[in-house]
PDB file of N, CA and C in Angstrom:
ATOM      1  N   MET A   1      86.394 196.544  12.716  1.00  0.00           N
ATOM      2  CA  MET A   1      87.073 195.863  11.539  1.00  0.00           C
ATOM      3  C   MET A   1      88.632 196.857  11.765  1.00  0.00           C
ATOM      4  N   ARG A   2      89.513 196.576  11.062  1.00  0.00           N
ATOM      5  CA  ARG A   2      90.666 197.102  11.318  1.00  0.00           C
ATOM      6  C   ARG A   2      90.824 197.765   9.925  1.00  0.00           C
ATOM      7  N   VAL A   3      91.642 198.612   9.754  1.00  0.00           N
ATOM      8  CA  VAL A   3      92.307 199.465   8.275  1.00  0.00           C
ATOM      9  C   VAL A   3      93.747 198.698   8.161  1.00  0.00           C
ATOM     10  N   THR A   4      93.612 198.357   6.890  1.00  0.00           N
ATOM     11  CA  THR A   4      95.027 197.952   6.300  1.00  0.00           C
ATOM     12  C   THR A   4      95.737 199.008   6.373  1.00  0.00           C
ATOM     13  N   GLU A   5      97.092 198.464   5.794  1.00  0.00           N
ATOM     14  CA  GLU A   5      98.237 199.332   5.362  1.00  0.00           C
ATOM     15  C   GLU A   5      98.134 200.393   4.453  1.00  0.00           C
ATOM     16  N   LYS A   6      97.145 199.905   3.616  1.00  0.00           N
ATOM     17  CA  LYS A   6      96.856 200.453   2.506  1.00  0.00           C
ATOM     18  C   LYS A   6      95.664 201.575   2.526  1.00  0.00           C
ATOM     19  N   GLY A   7      94.793 201.624   3.673  1.00  0.00           N
ATOM     20  CA  GLY A   7      94.123 202.334   4.211  1.00  0.00           C
ATOM     21  C   GLY A   7      92.443 201.522   3.596  1.00  0.00           C
ATOM     22  N   GLN A   8      92.659 200.544   3.461  1.00  0.00           N
ATOM     23  CA  GLN A   8      90.980 199.694   3.014  1.00  0.00           C
ATOM     24  C   GLN A   8      90.504 199.489   4.146  1.00  0.00           C
ATOM     25  N   VAL A   9      89.179 199.150   4.097  1.00  0.00           N
ATOM     26  CA  VAL A   9      88.566 198.331   5.182  1.00  0.00           C
ATOM     27  C   VAL A   9      87.496 197.481   4.451  1.00  0.00           C
ATOM     28  N   THR A  10      87.107 196.360   5.235  1.00  0.00           N
ATOM     29  CA  THR A  10      86.091 195.434   4.780  1.00  0.00           C
ATOM     30  C   THR A  10      84.828 195.772   5.160  1.00  0.00           C
ATOM     31  N   ILE A  11      83.487 196.012   3.981  1.00  0.00           N
ATOM     32  CA  ILE A  11      82.303 196.394   4.448  1.00  0.00           C
ATOM     33  C   ILE A  11      81.555 195.012   5.048  1.00  0.00           C
ATOM     34  N   PRO A  12      80.996 194.977   6.153  1.00  0.00           N
ATOM     35  CA  PRO A  12      80.376 193.859   6.699  1.00  0.00           C
ATOM     36  C   PRO A  12      79.184 193.373   5.813  1.00  0.00           C
ATOM     37  N   LYS A  13      79.143 192.040   5.291  1.00  0.00           N
ATOM     38  CA  LYS A  13      78.311 191.698   4.543  1.00  0.00           C
ATOM     39  C   LYS A  13      76.568 192.194   4.600  1.00  0.00           C
ATOM     40  N   ASP A  14      76.547 192.346   6.077  1.00  0.00           N
ATOM     41  CA  ASP A  14      75.099 192.830   6.429  1.00  0.00           C
ATOM     42  C   ASP A  14      74.770 194.046   5.609  1.00  0.00           C
ATOM     43  N   ILE A  15      75.951 194.851   5.808  1.00  0.00           N
ATOM     44  CA  ILE A  15      75.761 196.429   5.475  1.00  0.00           C
ATOM     45  C   ILE A  15      75.575 196.139   4.141  1.00  0.00           C
ATOM     46  N   ARG A  16      76.551 195.533   3.428  1.00  0.00           N
ATOM     47  CA  ARG A  16      76.610 195.306   1.878  1.00  0.00           C
ATOM     48  C   ARG A  16      75.250 194.949   1.387  1.00  0.00           C
ATOM     49  N   ASP A  17      74.745 194.198   2.201  1.00  0.00           N
ATOM     50  CA  ASP A  17      73.430 193.433   1.439  1.00  0.00           C
ATOM     51  C   ASP A  17      72.259 194.671   1.946  1.00  0.00           C
ATOM     52  N   ARG A  18      72.370 195.532   2.998  1.00  0.00           N
ATOM     53  CA  ARG A  18      71.131 196.228   3.209  1.00  0.00           C
ATOM     54  C   ARG A  18      71.511 197.511   2.134  1.00  0.00           C
ATOM     55  N   LEU A  19      72.348 198.038   1.679  1.00  0.00           N
ATOM     56  CA  LEU A  19      72.332 198.877   0.864  1.00  0.00           C
ATOM     57  C   LEU A  19      73.080 198.395  -0.732  1.00  0.00           C
ATOM     58  N   GLY A  20      72.886 197.339  -1.113  1.00  0.00           N
ATOM     59  CA  GLY A  20      72.833 196.716  -2.121  1.00  0.00           C
ATOM     60  C   GLY A  20      74.269 197.076  -2.762  1.00  0.00           C
ATOM     61  N   ILE A  21      75.282 196.971  -1.959  1.00  0.00           N
ATOM     62  CA  ILE A  21      76.609 197.063  -2.542  1.00  0.00           C
ATOM     63  C   ILE A  21      77.029 196.062  -3.040  1.00  0.00           C
ATOM     64  N   VAL A  22      77.360 195.900  -4.401  1.00  0.00           N
ATOM     65  CA  VAL A  22      77.698 194.695  -5.111  1.00  0.00           C
ATOM     66  C   VAL A  22      79.338 195.170  -5.482  1.00  0.00           C
ATOM     67  N   PRO A  23      79.862 193.975  -6.313  1.00  0.00           N
ATOM     68  CA  PRO A  23      81.358 194.240  -6.742  1.00  0.00           C
ATOM     69  C   PRO A  23      81.110 195.388  -7.967  1.00  0.00           C
ATOM     70  N   GLY A  24      81.997 196.491  -7.863  1.00  0.00           N
ATOM     71  CA  GLY A  24      81.684 197.418  -9.089  1.00  0.00           C
ATOM     72  C   GLY A  24      80.741 198.466  -8.495  1.00  0.00           C
ATOM     73  N   SER A  25      80.277 198.346  -7.477  1.00  0.00           N
ATOM     74  CA  SER A  25      79.688 199.543  -6.938  1.00  0.00           C
ATOM     75  C   SER A  25      80.743 200.922  -6.778  1.00  0.00           C
ATOM     76  N   GLU A  26      79.954 202.007  -6.133  1.00  0.00           N
ATOM     77  CA  GLU A  26      80.992 203.347  -5.908  1.00  0.00           C
ATOM     78  C   GLU A  26      80.336 203.505  -4.771  1.00  0.00           C
ATOM     79  N   VAL A  27      81.053 203.828  -3.870  1.00  0.00           N
ATOM     80  CA  VAL A  27      80.776 204.228  -2.464  1.00  0.00           C
ATOM     81  C   VAL A  27      81.685 205.409  -1.968  1.00  0.00           C
ATOM     82  N   GLU A  28      81.325 205.920  -1.122  1.00  0.00           N
ATOM     83  CA  GLU A  28      82.110 207.188  -0.672  1.00  0.00           C
ATOM     84  C   GLU A  28      81.999 207.506   0.888  1.00  0.00           C
ATOM     85  N   PHE A  29      83.084 207.890   1.556  1.00  0.00           N
ATOM     86  CA  PHE A  29      83.071 208.036   2.872  1.00  0.00           C
ATOM     87  C   PHE A  29      82.910 209.615   3.314  1.00  0.00           C
ATOM     88  N   VAL A  30      82.109 209.950   4.053  1.00  0.00           N
ATOM     89  CA  VAL A  30      81.568 211.292   3.918  1.00  0.00           C
ATOM     90  C   VAL A  30      81.710 211.392   5.456  1.00  0.00           C
ATOM     91  N   ALA A  31      82.572 212.595   5.815  1.00  0.00           N
ATOM     92  CA  ALA A  31      82.817 213.312   6.984  1.00  0.00           C
ATOM     93  C   ALA A  31      81.628 214.024   7.772  1.00  0.00           C
ATOM     94  N   ASP A  32      81.390 214.128   8.744  1.00  0.00           N
ATOM     95  CA  ASP A  32      80.112 214.847   9.252  1.00  0.00           C
ATOM     96  C   ASP A  32      80.333 214.985  10.815  1.00  0.00           C
ATOM     97  N   GLU A  33      79.427 215.842  11.228  1.00  0.00           N
ATOM     98  CA  GLU A  33      79.809 216.333  12.912  1.00  0.00           C
ATOM     99  C   GLU A  33      79.586 215.034  13.876  1.00  0.00           C
ATOM    100  N   LYS A  34      79.027 213.963  13.221  1.00  0.00           N
ATOM    101  CA  LYS A  34      78.963 212.722  13.715  1.00  0.00           C
ATOM    102  C   LYS A  34      80.228 211.518  13.757  1.00  0.00           C
ATOM    103  N   GLY A  35      80.981 211.933  12.531  1.00  0.00           N
ATOM    104  CA  GLY A  35      82.153 210.841  12.516  1.00  0.00           C
ATOM    105  C   GLY A  35      82.170 210.833  10.744  1.00  0.00           C
ATOM    106  N   ALA A  36      82.063 209.562  10.178  1.00  0.00           N
ATOM    107  CA  ALA A  36      82.211 209.331   8.985  1.00  0.00           C
ATOM    108  C   ALA A  36      80.890 208.373   8.707  1.00  0.00           C
ATOM    109  N   ARG A  37      80.175 208.521   7.426  1.00  0.00           N
ATOM    110  CA  ARG A  37      79.236 207.726   6.951  1.00  0.00           C
ATOM    111  C   ARG A  37      79.773 207.200   5.384  1.00  0.00           C
ATOM    112  N   LEU A  38      79.416 206.140   5.191  1.00  0.00           N
ATOM    113  CA  LEU A  38      79.447 205.187   4.041  1.00  0.00           C
ATOM    114  C   LEU A  38      78.210 205.761   3.281  1.00  0.00           C
ATOM    115  N   VAL A  39      78.459 205.940   2.032  1.00  0.00           N
ATOM    116  CA  VAL A  39      77.420 206.525   1.154  1.00  0.00           C
ATOM    117  C   VAL A  39      77.652 205.755  -0.187  1.00  0.00           C
ATOM    118  N   LEU A  40      76.527 205.025  -0.753  1.00  0.00           N
ATOM    119  CA  LEU A  40      76.317 204.549  -1.938  1.00  0.00           C
ATOM    120  C   LEU A  40      76.165 205.485  -3.069  1.00  0.00           C
ATOM    121  N   ILE A  41      77.269 205.260  -4.154  1.00  0.00           N
ATOM    122  CA  ILE A  41      77.025 206.703  -5.086  1.00  0.00           C
ATOM    123  C   ILE A  41      76.546 206.022  -6.323  1.00  0.00           C
ATOM    124  N   ALA A  42      76.984 204.618  -6.718  1.00  0.00           N
ATOM    125  CA  ALA A  42      76.173 203.860  -7.590  1.00  0.00           C
ATOM    126  C   ALA A  42      76.274 202.251  -7.460  1.00  0.00           C
ATOM    127  N   GLY A  43      75.593 201.725  -7.694  1.00  0.00           N
ATOM    128  CA  GLY A  43      75.361 200.296  -7.608  1.00  0.00           C
ATOM    129  C   GLY A  43      73.829 199.999  -7.992  1.00  0.00           C
ATOM    130  N   ASN A  44      73.234 199.070  -7.100  1.00  0.00           N
ATOM    131  CA  ASN A  44      72.072 198.531  -7.165  1.00  0.00           C
ATOM    132  C   ASN A  44      71.149 199.647  -7.123  1.00  0.00           C
ATOM    133  N   THR A  45      70.284 200.241  -7.677  1.00  0.00           N
ATOM    134  CA  THR A  45      69.478 201.273  -7.908  1.00  0.00           C
ATOM    135  C   THR A  45      68.028 201.138  -7.378  1.00  0.00           C
ATOM    136  N   ASP A  46      67.759 199.652  -7.198  1.00  0.00           N
ATOM    137  CA  ASP A  46      66.653 198.947  -6.279  1.00  0.00           C
ATOM    138  C   ASP A  46      66.654 199.514  -4.815  1.00  0.00           C
ATOM    139  N   GLN A  47      67.805 199.635  -4.145  1.00  0.00           N
ATOM    140  CA  GLN A  47      67.611 199.691  -2.814  1.00  0.00           C
ATOM    141  C   GLN A  47      67.323 200.952  -2.833  1.00  0.00           C
ATOM    142  N   LYS A  48      66.172 201.265  -1.423  1.00  0.00           N
ATOM    143  CA  LYS A  48      65.873 202.475  -0.880  1.00  0.00           C
ATOM    144  C   LYS A  48      67.185 203.561  -0.054  1.00  0.00           C
ATOM    145  N   PRO A  49      67.241 204.324   0.122  1.00  0.00           N
ATOM    146  CA  PRO A  49      68.392 204.890   0.780  1.00  0.00           C
ATOM    147  C   PRO A  49      68.190 205.095   2.200  1.00  0.00           C
ATOM    148  N   ALA A  50      68.801 204.314   3.002  1.00  0.00           N
ATOM    149  CA  ALA A  50      69.110 204.397   4.503  1.00  0.00           C
ATOM    150  C   ALA A  50      68.101 205.316   5.151  1.00  0.00           C
ATOM    151  N   ASP A  51      68.165 206.824   4.761  1.00  0.00           N
ATOM    152  CA  ASP A  51      67.459 207.893   5.330  1.00  0.00           C
ATOM    153  C   ASP A  51      67.597 208.908   4.512  1.00  0.00           C
ATOM    154  N   PHE A  52      66.830 209.922   4.557  1.00  0.00           N
ATOM    155  CA  PHE A  52      66.638 211.069   3.746  1.00  0.00           C
ATOM    156  C   PHE A  52      67.867 211.705   3.377  1.00  0.00           C
ATOM    157  N   GLU A  53      68.735 212.016   4.834  1.00  0.00           N
ATOM    158  CA  GLU A  53      69.821 212.771   4.265  1.00  0.00           C
ATOM    159  C   GLU A  53      70.870 212.077   3.862  1.00  0.00           C
ATOM    160  N   ALA A  54      71.137 211.011   3.705  1.00  0.00           N
ATOM    161  CA  ALA A  54      71.783 209.979   2.937  1.00  0.00           C
ATOM    162  C   ALA A  54      71.480 210.297   1.432  1.00  0.00           C
ATOM    163  N   TRP A  55      70.426 210.267   1.246  1.00  0.00           N
ATOM    164  CA  TRP A  55      69.757 210.588  -0.164  1.00  0.00           C
ATOM    165  C   TRP A  55      70.068 212.002  -0.633  1.00  0.00           C
ATOM    166  N   LEU A  56      69.721 212.669   0.178  1.00  0.00           N
ATOM    167  CA  LEU A  56      69.961 214.371  -0.372  1.00  0.00           C
ATOM    168  C   LEU A  56      71.372 214.379  -0.570  1.00  0.00           C
ATOM    169  N   ASN A  57      72.264 213.805   0.440  1.00  0.00           N
ATOM    170  CA  ASN A  57      73.624 214.229   0.330  1.00  0.00           C
ATOM    171  C   ASN A  57      74.278 213.651  -1.203  1.00  0.00           C
ATOM    172  N   SER A  58      73.860 212.434  -1.380  1.00  0.00           N
ATOM    173  CA  SER A  58      74.056 211.572  -2.674  1.00  0.00           C
ATOM    174  C   SER A  58      73.761 212.354  -3.712  1.00  0.00           C
ATOM    175  N   VAL A  59      72.435 213.133  -4.179  1.00  0.00           N
ATOM    176  CA  VAL A  59      72.130 214.002  -5.116  1.00  0.00           C
ATOM    177  C   VAL A  59      72.240 215.530  -4.768  1.00  0.00           C
ATOM    178  N   SER A  60      73.268 216.102  -4.168  1.00  0.00           N
ATOM    179  CA  SER A  60      73.394 217.446  -3.838  1.00  0.00           C
ATOM    180  C   SER A  60      74.309 217.715  -4.891  1.00  0.00           C
ATOM    181  N   GLY A  61      73.715 218.977  -5.405  1.00  0.00           N
ATOM    182  CA  GLY A  61      74.508 219.377  -6.835  1.00  0.00           C
ATOM    183  C   GLY A  61      74.620 218.653  -7.937  1.00  0.00           C
ATOM    184  N   SER A  62      73.720 217.909  -7.979  1.00  0.00           N
ATOM    185  CA  SER A  62      73.731 217.073  -9.364  1.00  0.00           C
ATOM    186  C   SER A  62      72.688 217.280 -10.332  1.00  0.00           C
ATOM    187  N   PHE A  63      72.251 218.514 -10.155  1.00  0.00           N
ATOM    188  CA  PHE A  63      71.030 219.200 -11.127  1.00  0.00           C
ATOM    189  C   PHE A  63      71.574 220.788 -11.139  1.00  0.00           C
ATOM    190  N   ASP A  64      71.641 221.195 -12.240  1.00  0.00           N
ATOM    191  CA  ASP A  64      71.921 222.532 -12.394  1.00  0.00           C
ATOM    192  C   ASP A  64      70.670 223.115 -13.557  1.00  0.00           C
ATOM    193  N   THR A  65      69.679 224.173 -13.013  1.00  0.00           N
ATOM    194  CA  THR A  65      69.029 224.843 -13.533  1.00  0.00           C
ATOM    195  C   THR A  65      69.240 226.178 -14.574  1.00  0.00           C
ATOM    196  N   GLY A  66      70.668 226.197 -14.564  1.00  0.00           N
ATOM    197  CA  GLY A  66      71.314 227.364 -15.351  1.00  0.00           C
ATOM    198  C   GLY A  66      71.018 228.616 -14.956  1.00  0.00           C
ATOM    199  N   GLY A  67      70.306 228.816 -13.776  1.00  0.00           N
ATOM    200  CA  GLY A  67      70.271 229.649 -12.781  1.00  0.00           C
ATOM    201  C   GLY A  67      69.029 230.295 -12.906  1.00  0.00           C
ATOM    202  N   MET A  68      67.534 229.633 -13.569  1.00  0.00           N
ATOM    203  CA  MET A  68      66.562 229.638 -13.721  1.00  0.00           C
ATOM    204  C   MET A  68      65.785 229.524 -12.580  1.00  0.00           C
ATOM    205  N   SER A  69      64.816 230.532 -12.143  1.00  0.00           N
ATOM    206  CA  SER A  69      64.048 230.014 -11.010  1.00  0.00           C
ATOM    207  C   SER A  69      62.965 228.764 -11.015  1.00  0.00           C
ATOM    208  N   THR A  70      62.533 228.316 -10.249  1.00  0.00           N
ATOM    209  CA  THR A  70      61.801 226.965 -10.127  1.00  0.00           C
ATOM    210  C   THR A  70      60.586 227.409 -11.290  1.00  0.00           C
ATOM    211  N   ASP A  71      59.866 228.505 -11.186  1.00  0.00           N
ATOM    212  CA  ASP A  71      58.753 228.932 -12.139  1.00  0.00           C
ATOM    213  C   ASP A  71      59.246 229.189 -13.675  1.00  0.00           C
ATOM    214  N   GLU A  72      60.346 229.547 -13.977  1.00  0.00           N
ATOM    215  CA  GLU A  72      61.337 229.636 -15.134  1.00  0.00           C
ATOM    216  C   GLU A  72      61.498 228.059 -15.615  1.00  0.00           C
ATOM    217  N   PHE A  73      61.872 227.383 -14.903  1.00  0.00           N
ATOM    218  CA  PHE A  73      62.190 226.180 -14.830  1.00  0.00           C
ATOM    219  C   PHE A  73      61.191 225.469 -15.637  1.00  0.00           C
ATOM    220  N   MET A  74      59.952 225.465 -14.739  1.00  0.00           N
ATOM    221  CA  MET A  74      59.023 224.718 -15.068  1.00  0.00           C
ATOM    222  C   MET A  74      58.305 225.044 -16.481  1.00  0.00           C
ATOM    223  N   GLN A  75      58.420 226.582 -16.967  1.00  0.00           N
ATOM    224  CA  GLN A  75      57.872 226.877 -17.957  1.00  0.00           C
ATOM    225  C   GLN A  75      58.828 226.190 -19.053  1.00  0.00           C
ATOM    226  N   TRP A  76      59.966 226.387 -19.132  1.00  0.00           N
ATOM    227  CA  TRP A  76      60.770 225.877 -19.990  1.00  0.00           C
ATOM    228  C   TRP A  76      60.623 224.317 -19.856  1.00  0.00           C
ATOM    229  N   LEU A  77      60.484 223.411 -18.891  1.00  0.00           N
ATOM    230  CA  LEU A  77      60.145 222.128 -19.069  1.00  0.00           C
ATOM    231  C   LEU A  77      58.658 221.960 -19.823  1.00  0.00           C
ATOM    232  N   ARG A  78      57.825 222.423 -19.321  1.00  0.00           N
ATOM    233  CA  ARG A  78      56.617 222.232 -19.820  1.00  0.00           C
ATOM    234  C   ARG A  78      56.089 223.142 -20.797  1.00  0.00           C
ATOM    235  N   GLY A  79      56.613 224.270 -21.035  1.00  0.00           N
ATOM    236  CA  GLY A  79      56.088 225.246 -21.938  1.00  0.00           C
ATOM    237  C   GLY A  79      55.382 225.895 -21.420  1.00  0.00           C
ATOM    238  N   PRO A  80      54.711 227.163 -22.025  1.00  0.00           N
ATOM    239  CA  PRO A  80      53.876 228.036 -21.314  1.00  0.00           C
ATOM    240  C   PRO A  80      52.538 227.551 -21.105  1.00  0.00           C
ATOM    241  N   ARG A  81      51.960 227.936 -19.836  1.00  0.00           N
ATOM    242  CA  ARG A  81      50.452 227.743 -19.702  1.00  0.00           C
ATOM    243  C   ARG A  81      49.412 228.353 -20.353  1.00  0.00           C
ATOM    244  N   ASP A  82      48.220 227.646 -20.957  1.00  0.00           N
ATOM    245  CA  ASP A  82      47.431 228.229 -21.588  1.00  0.00           C
ATOM    246  C   ASP A  82      45.818 228.220 -21.005  1.00  0.00           C
ATOM    247  N   ASP A  83      46.250 227.790 -19.757  1.00  0.00           N
ATOM    248  CA  ASP A  83      44.968 227.910 -18.832  1.00  0.00           C
ATOM    249  C   ASP A  83      44.871 228.866 -18.109  1.00  0.00           C
ATOM    250  N   LEU A  84      45.900 229.724 -17.930  1.00  0.00           N
ATOM    251  CA  LEU A  84      45.612 231.158 -16.793  1.00  0.00           C
ATOM    252  C   LEU A  84      45.264 232.312 -17.577  1.00  0.00           C
ATOM    253  N   ASP A  85      44.581 233.068 -17.065  1.00  0.00           N
ATOM    254  CA  ASP A  85      44.159 234.441 -17.698  1.00  0.00           C
ATOM    255  C   ASP A  85      45.212 235.175 -17.845  1.00  0.00           C
ATOM    256  N   PRO A  86      45.353 235.648 -19.339  1.00  0.00           N
ATOM    257  CA  PRO A  86      46.507 236.236 -19.573  1.00  0.00           C
ATOM    258  C   PRO A  86      46.578 237.586 -18.819  1.00  0.00           C
ATOM    259  N   ARG A  87      45.562 238.449 -17.951  1.00  0.00           N
ATOM    260  CA  ARG A  87      45.943 239.609 -17.335  1.00  0.00           C
ATOM    261  C   ARG A  87      46.988 239.873 -16.705  1.00  0.00           C
TER     262      ARG A  87
END
């Protein structure tokens, strides 16, 4: 594919179909050591990510526990556990 003067490219239909990219979908180009990847940011959420790394990059930094540890967050989320011996 060619890049236009405006820097635009056409995403091939088979790629759009596989990733669930429809008009209005948000995508991002991510540069890494292998080149650049197209990552679906928002669109058809019924589609599964192409691979774990793509999914991980798409959700990276999207959750903030406010500095709590995992145990502290779980207690905040679920409440104190009453099934443990208080010793």
